[in-house]
Amino acid sequence: MTYPPLGDMLATLRESTPLVHCMTNYVAMNSTANLLLATGASPAMLHAPEEVAEFTAIAGALSINIGTLSTPWAESMQLAARTAKETGTPWVLDPVAVGATAFRQQVCTALLAHRPNVIRANASEVMALTGLASQGRGVDATTTTEDAAQAAIKLAQQQCCIVAMTGETDLITNGTHHYRLTGGHALMPRVTTLGCGLSALVAGFLAANQAHPLSATLAALACFSIAGSRAGQQASGPGSFQVALLDALYALTPDNLSSLSQLETLHAV
């Protein structure tokens, strides 16, 4: 399968400055907003049931992250996801720790009925969503990307969506076409909420490149990978890494994205 140059995806995002409706957790709000701004998108953080449907309809994309879940937030997420499905607004599901509790499993099951365009999750979360495992430990992955590869493909086929399974190595699949992405830096797991921000970034790329959802997803992950690698070369620890990552995302050019992405097409998984 051929796809547009990834750099074109970034150029389009920066030209259009898409509005991303982020329903994310308390811990991630500030860092997610900064990651979107640094890359070129425009963040908004709304959770009130009185306005989420109205706002989802005017946003370029929706990102739902269930990290600090509560019943009121779960209800708002359902409203937003339903609206996204009805209006054709692309949306991303980040099923944080879905295997940890029955409540999270129930909420994600309900959200899946509204057909997310992309599921961005770690290997344990993918396994939990496909019913192959249900013992996720918090937000940490307890299963390797390789172990969960078949589960990711199955989930993408079941949901007719893209699954972006991230970890030390990323696997991106739409159920038919599969890609492996390497890069990043060992300090990335030492900084909280980076995965949350990545899910919102995927939503931003989807908003700007609706005709090419797979390429948009690949571009978002490649941006993170390249910026993470560059940030790690400058940082002395997690604190300086977080600042360096924002700077690296801001400085990333479309040419960088097209030429430096460590992306491999997989013919068999």
Foldseek 3Di string as FASTA:
>chain_A
DDDPQLLVLLVLLQVVQFEEEEAEDPVQPVLLQLLSVLSRHHYDYDQQLVPLLVVLLVGLAYEYECQPHDPSSLVSLLSNLQSCLVNVRAYEYELWLCLPDPVSVVSVVSSLVSQHQEYEAAQQVLCVNLVNDRHRDGRDDPDHCVVRVVSQLVVLVVRQHWYWHDDQWIWIDNNQWIKIFHAADPQVVVAPNPSVSLRSQLSSSCSSCVVRSSSSNLSSVQLRRVLRRQLVVPDPHNVSSSVSSSVSSNPDHSVCSSPVTRMDIDPDD
